[in-house]
Amino acid sequence: MKVDILAISAHPDDVELSCSGTLLSELALGKKVGIVDLTKGELGTRGTPELRQIEAEEAAAQMGANFREILSLKDGFFTHSEENLKEVIEIIRIYQPNIVLTNAHSDRHPDHGKAAKLVKEACFLSGLRKIETKHEAWRPTAVYHYIQDYYLKPDFVYDITPYIDKKIELIKCFKSQFYDPNSSEPDTPLTGAGFFDFIKSRAAEMGRPSGIAYAEGFQVNRFPAIRSLSHLV
């Protein structure tokens, strides 16, 4: 299946936290969207990989994504290796996305920066015909890095105002990872009752300079180009 947008994340729930409003908007425009999680999130303090996969599938179904695939890179320990690059290259060649969304280059979790570098390079290498895989060479037009935990100055923001409440619902699909008053598992920085307020506040912070109620922020590897000033808000 060829998709318009492929969101690649280090862990199940990164996409929901960082760019699910954008994906909901693009899906409403008729775009095909896929999600690939590099790891199963097996080092997460709460829950299990099996439970997290169920939660990830539920979130993707509620979003309306065309597919979600979870790979088996080692959570916390995956490296920038030829083997891992080729696995991501194969994914890119299978789904032939025009746009790839992935983690930020710098973030609280070390895996996020590692994923950003791995995915960015795989997107370039995927276009080299002499790298042989089961599928033909393909290079996405653009790679955008979504902003997650750390505040990073965005290169552009995407208006998600109509989808902010749905974004929160998608995050709540990961019940094992976030606030659950009935859970007896250890507390983490993500499990406080106010965490969802932080998500909305971050989206408001991203949108405010542009006069938008709620937005998601992205950083770019090259300057985006436009063909009309009317495309800018």
Protein backbone atom coordinates (compact mmCIF):
# COMPACT_ATOMS: atom_id res chain seq x y z
CA MET A 1 0.00 0.00 0.00
CA LYS A 2 1.38 3.38 -1.00
CA VAL A 3 0.65 6.11 1.54
CA ASP A 4 0.88 9.88 1.38
CA ILE A 5 2.29 10.24 4.89
CA LEU A 6 4.25 7.76 6.98
CA ALA A 7 4.73 8.59 10.67
CA ILE A 8 7.69 6.71 12.11
CA SER A 9 8.28 6.77 15.87
CA ALA A 10 10.69 5.29 18.38
CA HIS A 11 7.87 4.03 20.61
CA PRO A 12 4.14 3.31 20.44
CA ASP A 13 2.44 6.53 21.65
CA ASP A 14 5.08 8.97 20.29
CA VAL A 15 2.90 9.63 17.25
CA GLU A 16 -0.22 10.20 19.33
CA LEU A 17 1.60 12.61 21.63
CA SER A 18 3.32 14.60 18.89
CA CYS A 19 1.56 14.62 15.54
CA SER A 20 -1.80 12.86 15.82
CA GLY A 21 -3.72 16.12 15.32
CA THR A 22 -1.84 16.65 12.06
CA LEU A 23 -2.57 13.11 10.93
CA LEU A 24 -6.26 13.41 11.81
CA SER A 25 -6.47 16.58 9.71
CA GLU A 26 -4.67 14.99 6.76
CA LEU A 27 -6.88 11.92 6.93
CA ALA A 28 -9.93 14.19 6.81
CA LEU A 29 -8.49 15.65 3.61
CA GLY A 30 -8.45 12.18 2.08
CA LYS A 31 -4.76 11.41 2.54
CA LYS A 32 -3.52 7.89 3.20
CA VAL A 33 -1.58 7.64 6.45
CA GLY A 34 0.50 4.85 7.95
CA ILE A 35 2.26 4.49 11.31
CA VAL A 36 5.42 2.52 12.05
CA ASP A 37 6.81 2.16 15.58
CA LEU A 38 10.46 1.10 15.62
CA THR A 39 10.27 -0.63 19.01
CA LYS A 40 7.62 -2.28 21.13
CA GLY A 41 8.38 0.07 24.04
CA GLU A 42 9.38 -2.93 26.12
CA LEU A 43 11.40 -0.86 28.62
CA GLY A 44 8.41 1.25 29.60
CA THR A 45 7.98 1.48 33.39
CA ARG A 46 4.33 0.52 33.19
CA GLY A 47 2.45 -2.07 31.17
CA THR A 48 3.85 -4.75 28.89
CA PRO A 49 4.82 -4.84 25.21
CA GLU A 50 1.79 -7.02 24.52
CA LEU A 51 -0.60 -4.60 26.19
CA ARG A 52 1.05 -1.63 24.51
CA GLN A 53 0.56 -3.24 21.11
CA ILE A 54 -3.16 -3.67 21.81
CA GLU A 55 -3.34 -0.02 22.85
CA ALA A 56 -1.41 1.08 19.76
CA GLU A 57 -3.74 -0.83 17.46
CA GLU A 58 -6.78 0.70 19.17
CA ALA A 59 -5.34 4.21 18.80
CA ALA A 60 -4.61 3.64 15.11
CA ALA A 61 -8.14 2.31 14.57
CA GLN A 62 -9.70 5.32 16.30
CA MET A 63 -7.50 7.65 14.27
CA GLY A 64 -8.49 5.94 11.03
CA ALA A 65 -4.90 5.24 9.96
CA ASN A 66 -4.56 2.94 6.97
CA PHE A 67 -2.18 0.68 8.89
CA ARG A 68 0.12 0.46 11.90
CA GLU A 69 3.21 -1.72 12.04
CA ILE A 70 5.44 -2.29 15.07
CA LEU A 71 9.02 -3.37 14.40
CA SER A 72 11.37 -5.17 16.79
CA LEU A 73 14.30 -2.81 17.26
CA LYS A 74 15.53 -2.92 20.88
CA ASP A 75 13.92 -0.26 23.03
CA GLY A 76 16.66 1.85 24.61
CA PHE A 77 19.46 0.01 22.84
CA PHE A 78 18.86 0.16 19.09
CA THR A 79 21.87 1.48 17.24
CA HIS A 80 22.66 3.34 14.05
CA SER A 81 23.66 0.18 12.23
CA GLU A 82 23.52 -1.03 8.65
CA GLU A 83 21.00 -3.68 9.71
CA ASN A 84 18.62 -1.18 11.26
CA LEU A 85 19.02 1.30 8.41
CA LYS A 86 18.13 -1.42 5.91
CA GLU A 87 15.05 -2.38 7.92
CA VAL A 88 13.77 1.20 7.81
CA ILE A 89 14.76 1.51 4.13
CA GLU A 90 12.64 -1.55 3.37
CA ILE A 91 9.66 -0.01 5.18
CA ILE A 92 10.01 3.22 3.20
CA ARG A 93 10.26 1.34 -0.09
CA ILE A 94 7.23 -0.80 0.72
CA TYR A 95 4.91 2.12 1.53
CA GLN A 96 6.46 4.81 -0.72
CA PRO A 97 5.42 7.83 1.38
CA ASN A 98 5.70 11.32 -0.03
CA ILE A 99 6.17 12.74 3.47
CA VAL A 100 7.75 11.13 6.52
CA LEU A 101 7.11 12.42 10.05
CA THR A 102 9.50 11.28 12.76
CA ASN A 103 10.97 12.11 16.15
CA ALA A 104 12.86 15.28 17.05
CA HIS A 105 16.65 15.36 16.83
CA SER A 106 16.87 16.27 20.53
CA ASP A 107 14.44 15.17 23.24
CA ARG A 108 14.16 13.85 26.78
CA HIS A 109 14.24 10.19 25.73
CA PRO A 110 17.54 9.27 24.02
CA ASP A 111 15.69 6.96 21.62
CA HIS A 112 13.94 9.95 20.04
CA GLY A 113 17.16 11.53 18.80
CA LYS A 114 18.46 8.15 17.65
CA ALA A 115 15.24 7.52 15.74
CA ALA A 116 15.43 10.97 14.10
CA LYS A 117 18.92 10.27 12.76
CA LEU A 118 18.11 6.72 11.72
CA VAL A 119 14.93 7.67 9.85
CA LYS A 120 16.39 10.78 8.22
CA GLU A 121 19.33 8.83 6.80
CA ALA A 122 17.18 5.88 5.79
CA CYS A 123 14.92 8.21 3.82
CA PHE A 124 17.92 9.41 1.80
CA LEU A 125 19.52 5.98 1.38
CA SER A 126 16.19 4.50 0.31
CA GLY A 127 16.54 6.44 -2.93
CA LEU A 128 19.87 4.82 -3.84
CA ARG A 129 19.23 2.07 -6.35
CA LYS A 130 22.44 0.21 -5.56
CA ILE A 131 21.20 -0.56 -2.06
CA GLU A 132 19.39 -3.80 -2.77
CA THR A 133 16.23 -4.81 -0.94
CA LYS A 134 13.10 -6.69 -1.96
CA HIS A 135 11.47 -3.45 -3.14
CA GLU A 136 12.49 -0.76 -5.58
CA ALA A 137 14.25 2.46 -4.59
CA TRP A 138 12.07 5.28 -3.28
CA ARG A 139 12.92 8.60 -1.65
CA PRO A 140 10.30 10.68 0.21
CA THR A 141 9.96 14.31 -0.82
CA ALA A 142 10.26 15.61 2.75
CA VAL A 143 11.08 14.52 6.29
CA TYR A 144 9.60 16.58 9.15
CA HIS A 145 10.53 16.14 12.81
CA TYR A 146 7.69 16.50 15.30
CA ILE A 147 8.25 18.23 18.63
CA GLN A 148 7.40 16.12 21.65
CA ASP A 149 8.67 16.49 25.22
CA TYR A 150 11.30 19.23 25.14
CA TYR A 151 10.27 22.64 23.89
CA LEU A 152 11.99 23.24 20.54
CA LYS A 153 11.42 26.24 18.33
CA PRO A 154 9.31 24.99 15.39
CA ASP A 155 10.11 25.79 11.78
CA PHE A 156 6.39 25.58 11.07
CA VAL A 157 3.22 24.72 12.95
CA TYR A 158 0.11 22.84 11.86
CA ASP A 159 -3.30 24.04 13.02
CA ILE A 160 -4.97 21.17 14.91
CA THR A 161 -7.67 23.22 16.64
CA PRO A 162 -10.57 21.07 15.31
CA TYR A 163 -8.82 17.91 16.47
CA ILE A 164 -7.36 18.75 19.88
CA ASP A 165 -10.00 16.79 21.81
CA LYS A 166 -9.65 13.78 19.53
CA LYS A 167 -5.88 13.94 19.97
CA ILE A 168 -6.37 13.63 23.75
CA GLU A 169 -8.69 10.66 23.20
CA LEU A 170 -6.03 8.93 21.10
CA ILE A 171 -3.41 9.46 23.78
CA LYS A 172 -5.78 8.01 26.36
CA CYS A 173 -5.91 4.78 24.35
CA PHE A 174 -2.54 4.08 26.00
CA LYS A 175 -4.13 3.59 29.38
CA SER A 176 -1.12 1.67 30.69
CA GLN A 177 1.21 4.61 30.04
CA PHE A 178 -0.77 7.62 31.27
CA TYR A 179 -3.02 8.71 34.11
CA ASP A 180 -5.10 5.88 35.55
CA PRO A 181 -6.35 6.38 39.12
CA ASN A 182 -6.90 2.63 39.44
CA SER A 183 -3.35 1.64 38.51
CA SER A 184 -1.02 0.21 41.16
CA GLU A 185 2.07 0.53 38.95
CA PRO A 186 4.87 3.05 39.66
CA ASP A 187 4.31 6.72 38.89
CA THR A 188 6.21 8.29 35.99
CA PRO A 189 6.42 11.85 34.58
CA LEU A 190 3.54 10.86 32.26
CA THR A 191 1.08 9.47 34.78
CA GLY A 192 0.01 12.56 36.69
CA ALA A 193 -3.56 13.79 36.37
CA GLY A 194 -2.30 17.05 34.89
CA PHE A 195 -0.38 15.49 32.01
CA PHE A 196 -3.23 15.95 29.53
CA ASP A 197 -3.38 19.62 30.52
CA PHE A 198 0.31 19.83 29.58
CA ILE A 199 -0.45 18.39 26.15
CA LYS A 200 -3.14 21.00 25.52
CA SER A 201 -0.94 23.76 26.91
CA ARG A 202 1.92 22.75 24.62
CA ALA A 203 -0.43 22.81 21.63
CA ALA A 204 -1.69 26.26 22.71
CA GLU A 205 1.92 27.45 23.07
CA MET A 206 2.74 26.26 19.57
CA GLY A 207 -0.30 27.95 18.09
CA ARG A 208 -0.28 31.26 19.94
CA PRO A 209 2.39 33.13 17.87
CA SER A 210 0.35 32.43 14.72
CA GLY A 211 -3.01 33.27 16.25
CA ILE A 212 -4.05 29.62 16.30
CA ALA A 213 -5.78 28.06 19.30
CA TYR A 214 -3.92 24.73 19.11
CA ALA A 215 -1.06 23.58 16.88
CA GLU A 216 1.63 20.93 16.53
CA GLY A 217 5.18 22.02 15.79
CA PHE A 218 7.70 20.57 13.36
CA GLN A 219 11.32 21.10 12.46
CA VAL A 220 12.70 20.65 8.96
CA ASN A 221 15.94 19.47 7.38
CA ARG A 222 15.64 21.83 4.41
CA PHE A 223 13.64 24.97 3.74
CA PRO A 224 10.06 24.22 2.68
CA ALA A 225 9.01 25.95 -0.55
CA ILE A 226 5.62 27.47 -1.38
CA ARG A 227 4.04 28.53 -4.66
CA SER A 228 1.66 31.12 -3.23
CA LEU A 229 1.83 33.50 -0.29
CA SER A 230 -1.82 32.69 0.36
CA HIS A 231 -0.68 29.24 1.55
CA LEU A 232 0.77 30.91 4.65
CA VAL A 233 -1.58 31.78 7.53
